[in-house]
Amino acid sequence: MPHPSRPLPPARRCSLADVGERLRTQYARHQRSASFWNAYQAIQDELAESFPGQRVELCNLMAEIAQRLGAVEQAQLVDTPPL
């Protein structure tokens, strides 16, 4: 069962603007290793807390960034659930 998420204070919120840079830095350090994917997941979790209700869009954004970096050959995008 999911736990209720607490909003992060503005100073700790992960911004969309810095996600690409953070992923580039992690990829430069770790390439496709487990350390990169651990960092990827941590960034994704921060985004989900900062932007509740937009997990699908955020997952797809990060998957596309990972593809552009070369971490994956073809990003697997998540379908948006029907309204």
N, C-alpha and C. Protein backbone atom coordinates (compact mmCIF):
# COMPACT_ATOMS: atom_id res chain seq x y z
N MET A 1 0.85 -1.18 0.00
CA MET A 1 0.00 0.00 0.00
C MET A 1 0.89 1.24 0.00
N PRO A 2 0.63 2.21 -0.90
CA PRO A 2 1.48 3.39 -0.96
C PRO A 2 1.34 4.24 0.30
N HIS A 3 2.43 4.86 0.68
CA HIS A 3 2.37 5.76 1.83
C HIS A 3 2.07 7.16 1.33
N PRO A 4 1.38 7.95 2.17
CA PRO A 4 1.09 9.32 1.73
C PRO A 4 2.37 10.10 1.57
N SER A 5 2.48 10.84 0.48
CA SER A 5 3.71 11.60 0.27
C SER A 5 3.56 12.97 0.89
N ARG A 6 4.65 13.44 1.43
CA ARG A 6 4.69 14.78 2.00
C ARG A 6 5.32 15.69 0.97
N PRO A 7 4.74 16.86 0.75
CA PRO A 7 5.36 17.78 -0.20
C PRO A 7 6.74 18.20 0.29
N LEU A 8 7.65 18.31 -0.62
CA LEU A 8 8.99 18.78 -0.28
C LEU A 8 8.98 20.29 -0.17
N PRO A 9 9.78 20.84 0.74
CA PRO A 9 9.88 22.30 0.79
C PRO A 9 10.48 22.80 -0.52
N PRO A 10 10.12 24.02 -0.94
CA PRO A 10 10.60 24.53 -2.23
C PRO A 10 12.11 24.42 -2.42
N ALA A 11 12.88 24.62 -1.38
CA ALA A 11 14.34 24.57 -1.53
C ALA A 11 14.83 23.17 -1.87
N ARG A 12 14.07 22.12 -1.55
CA ARG A 12 14.51 20.76 -1.79
C ARG A 12 13.85 20.15 -3.02
N ARG A 13 12.93 20.86 -3.63
CA ARG A 13 12.23 20.32 -4.79
C ARG A 13 13.18 20.12 -5.95
N CYS A 14 12.99 19.01 -6.61
CA CYS A 14 13.77 18.72 -7.81
C CYS A 14 13.10 19.48 -8.96
N SER A 15 13.86 20.27 -9.66
CA SER A 15 13.28 21.02 -10.77
C SER A 15 13.50 20.28 -12.08
N LEU A 16 12.56 20.45 -12.96
CA LEU A 16 12.69 19.86 -14.29
C LEU A 16 13.92 20.39 -15.01
N ALA A 17 14.24 21.65 -14.74
CA ALA A 17 15.37 22.28 -15.42
C ALA A 17 16.70 21.60 -15.11
N ASP A 18 16.84 21.05 -13.89
CA ASP A 18 18.14 20.47 -13.56
C ASP A 18 18.20 18.96 -13.72
N VAL A 19 17.10 18.33 -14.10
CA VAL A 19 17.10 16.87 -14.25
C VAL A 19 18.09 16.42 -15.32
N GLY A 20 18.06 17.04 -16.47
CA GLY A 20 18.97 16.66 -17.55
C GLY A 20 20.42 16.78 -17.14
N GLU A 21 20.76 17.88 -16.47
CA GLU A 21 22.15 18.09 -16.03
C GLU A 21 22.55 17.05 -14.99
N ARG A 22 21.66 16.76 -14.06
CA ARG A 22 21.98 15.75 -13.04
C ARG A 22 22.18 14.38 -13.67
N LEU A 23 21.33 14.04 -14.63
CA LEU A 23 21.49 12.75 -15.31
C LEU A 23 22.77 12.71 -16.14
N ARG A 24 23.09 13.80 -16.82
CA ARG A 24 24.34 13.86 -17.60
C ARG A 24 25.55 13.65 -16.69
N THR A 25 25.53 14.30 -15.54
CA THR A 25 26.64 14.17 -14.59
C THR A 25 26.77 12.72 -14.12
N GLN A 26 25.66 12.10 -13.76
CA GLN A 26 25.70 10.71 -13.29
C GLN A 26 26.14 9.76 -14.39
N TYR A 27 25.68 10.02 -15.61
CA TYR A 27 26.06 9.15 -16.73
C TYR A 27 27.56 9.30 -17.04
N ALA A 28 28.05 10.51 -16.97
CA ALA A 28 29.49 10.74 -17.20
C ALA A 28 30.33 9.99 -16.16
N ARG A 29 29.86 9.95 -14.95
CA ARG A 29 30.59 9.27 -13.87
C ARG A 29 30.49 7.75 -13.94
N HIS A 30 29.28 7.26 -14.25
CA HIS A 30 28.99 5.83 -14.04
C HIS A 30 28.61 5.05 -15.30
N GLN A 31 28.40 5.76 -16.43
CA GLN A 31 27.92 5.10 -17.66
C GLN A 31 26.67 4.28 -17.35
N ARG A 32 26.60 3.06 -17.83
CA ARG A 32 25.38 2.24 -17.67
C ARG A 32 25.40 1.36 -16.42
N SER A 33 26.25 1.66 -15.48
CA SER A 33 26.39 0.80 -14.29
C SER A 33 25.19 0.95 -13.35
N ALA A 34 25.17 0.07 -12.36
CA ALA A 34 24.11 0.11 -11.35
C ALA A 34 24.09 1.47 -10.64
N SER A 35 25.24 2.08 -10.47
CA SER A 35 25.30 3.38 -9.79
C SER A 35 24.52 4.44 -10.57
N PHE A 36 24.62 4.39 -11.91
CA PHE A 36 23.83 5.33 -12.72
C PHE A 36 22.35 5.09 -12.51
N TRP A 37 21.93 3.83 -12.57
CA TRP A 37 20.50 3.52 -12.46
C TRP A 37 19.97 3.80 -11.06
N ASN A 38 20.80 3.65 -10.04
CA ASN A 38 20.39 4.04 -8.68
C ASN A 38 20.16 5.54 -8.60
N ALA A 39 21.06 6.31 -9.19
CA ALA A 39 20.90 7.77 -9.22
C ALA A 39 19.67 8.15 -10.03
N TYR A 40 19.47 7.49 -11.15
CA TYR A 40 18.29 7.73 -12.01
C TYR A 40 17.02 7.54 -11.20
N GLN A 41 16.94 6.44 -10.45
CA GLN A 41 15.75 6.16 -9.64
C GLN A 41 15.57 7.20 -8.55
N ALA A 42 16.64 7.62 -7.92
CA ALA A 42 16.54 8.63 -6.86
C ALA A 42 16.02 9.96 -7.43
N ILE A 43 16.52 10.34 -8.59
CA ILE A 43 16.05 11.58 -9.23
C ILE A 43 14.58 11.44 -9.60
N GLN A 44 14.21 10.29 -10.13
CA GLN A 44 12.81 10.06 -10.50
C GLN A 44 11.90 10.14 -9.27
N ASP A 45 12.34 9.58 -8.16
CA ASP A 45 11.55 9.65 -6.93
C ASP A 45 11.38 11.10 -6.46
N GLU A 46 12.45 11.89 -6.54
CA GLU A 46 12.37 13.30 -6.17
C GLU A 46 11.37 14.03 -7.06
N LEU A 47 11.44 13.76 -8.36
CA LEU A 47 10.50 14.42 -9.28
C LEU A 47 9.06 14.05 -8.95
N ALA A 48 8.82 12.79 -8.67
CA ALA A 48 7.47 12.33 -8.36
C ALA A 48 6.93 13.04 -7.11
N GLU A 49 7.80 13.29 -6.15
CA GLU A 49 7.38 14.01 -4.95
C GLU A 49 7.15 15.49 -5.24
N SER A 50 7.95 16.05 -6.13
CA SER A 50 7.83 17.47 -6.45
C SER A 50 6.65 17.75 -7.37
N PHE A 51 6.27 16.77 -8.17
CA PHE A 51 5.19 16.95 -9.14
C PHE A 51 4.18 15.80 -9.01
N PRO A 52 3.43 15.77 -7.91
CA PRO A 52 2.48 14.67 -7.71
C PRO A 52 1.46 14.62 -8.85
N GLY A 53 1.10 13.42 -9.21
CA GLY A 53 0.10 13.24 -10.27
C GLY A 53 0.65 13.27 -11.67
N GLN A 54 1.95 13.43 -11.83
CA GLN A 54 2.53 13.51 -13.17
C GLN A 54 3.63 12.47 -13.37
N ARG A 55 3.52 11.37 -12.66
CA ARG A 55 4.57 10.34 -12.70
C ARG A 55 4.79 9.80 -14.11
N VAL A 56 3.74 9.52 -14.86
CA VAL A 56 3.89 8.96 -16.21
C VAL A 56 4.68 9.91 -17.09
N GLU A 57 4.29 11.18 -17.08
CA GLU A 57 4.98 12.16 -17.92
C GLU A 57 6.44 12.30 -17.51
N LEU A 58 6.70 12.29 -16.20
CA LEU A 58 8.07 12.41 -15.71
C LEU A 58 8.90 11.19 -16.07
N CYS A 59 8.32 10.00 -15.94
CA CYS A 59 9.03 8.77 -16.31
C CYS A 59 9.41 8.81 -17.78
N ASN A 60 8.49 9.25 -18.62
CA ASN A 60 8.76 9.33 -20.06
C ASN A 60 9.84 10.37 -20.37
N LEU A 61 9.78 11.51 -19.69
CA LEU A 61 10.79 12.54 -19.88
C LEU A 61 12.17 12.00 -19.53
N MET A 62 12.27 11.34 -18.40
CA MET A 62 13.57 10.81 -17.99
C MET A 62 14.04 9.69 -18.91
N ALA A 63 13.12 8.86 -19.40
CA ALA A 63 13.49 7.79 -20.33
C ALA A 63 14.06 8.39 -21.62
N GLU A 64 13.46 9.46 -22.08
CA GLU A 64 13.96 10.11 -23.30
C GLU A 64 15.33 10.73 -23.08
N ILE A 65 15.56 11.30 -21.91
CA ILE A 65 16.88 11.85 -21.59
C ILE A 65 17.90 10.72 -21.55
N ALA A 66 17.55 9.60 -20.91
CA ALA A 66 18.47 8.45 -20.84
C ALA A 66 18.82 7.96 -22.24
N GLN A 67 17.86 7.96 -23.14
CA GLN A 67 18.13 7.54 -24.52
C GLN A 67 19.09 8.51 -25.19
N ARG A 68 18.86 9.81 -25.03
CA ARG A 68 19.76 10.80 -25.65
C ARG A 68 21.17 10.68 -25.11
N LEU A 69 21.31 10.31 -23.83
CA LEU A 69 22.64 10.14 -23.23
C LEU A 69 23.34 8.89 -23.73
N GLY A 70 22.57 7.92 -24.23
CA GLY A 70 23.14 6.65 -24.66
C GLY A 70 23.05 5.56 -23.60
N ALA A 71 22.33 5.83 -22.52
CA ALA A 71 22.17 4.84 -21.44
C ALA A 71 21.31 3.67 -21.91
N VAL A 72 20.40 3.93 -22.81
CA VAL A 72 19.56 2.89 -23.42
C VAL A 72 19.51 3.14 -24.92
N GLU A 73 19.34 2.07 -25.67
CA GLU A 73 19.26 2.21 -27.12
C GLU A 73 17.92 2.80 -27.53
N GLN A 74 16.85 2.30 -26.92
CA GLN A 74 15.50 2.76 -27.25
C GLN A 74 14.71 2.91 -25.95
N ALA A 75 14.28 4.12 -25.65
CA ALA A 75 13.51 4.37 -24.43
C ALA A 75 12.17 3.65 -24.52
N GLN A 76 11.78 3.04 -23.43
CA GLN A 76 10.46 2.40 -23.35
C GLN A 76 9.55 3.36 -22.60
N LEU A 77 8.63 3.95 -23.32
CA LEU A 77 7.74 4.94 -22.75
C LEU A 77 6.51 4.27 -22.15
N VAL A 78 6.00 4.91 -21.11
CA VAL A 78 4.81 4.42 -20.40
C VAL A 78 3.59 5.06 -21.03
N ASP A 79 2.55 4.27 -21.27
CA ASP A 79 1.31 4.81 -21.79
C ASP A 79 0.61 5.63 -20.71
N THR A 80 0.04 6.73 -21.14
CA THR A 80 -0.75 7.55 -20.23
C THR A 80 -2.09 6.86 -19.98
N PRO A 81 -2.46 6.69 -18.70
CA PRO A 81 -3.72 6.01 -18.43
C PRO A 81 -4.89 6.83 -18.96
N PRO A 82 -5.96 6.15 -19.42
CA PRO A 82 -7.12 6.88 -19.93
C PRO A 82 -7.81 7.65 -18.80
N LEU A 83 -8.44 8.74 -19.18
CA LEU A 83 -9.15 9.56 -18.18
C LEU A 83 -10.45 8.96 -17.78
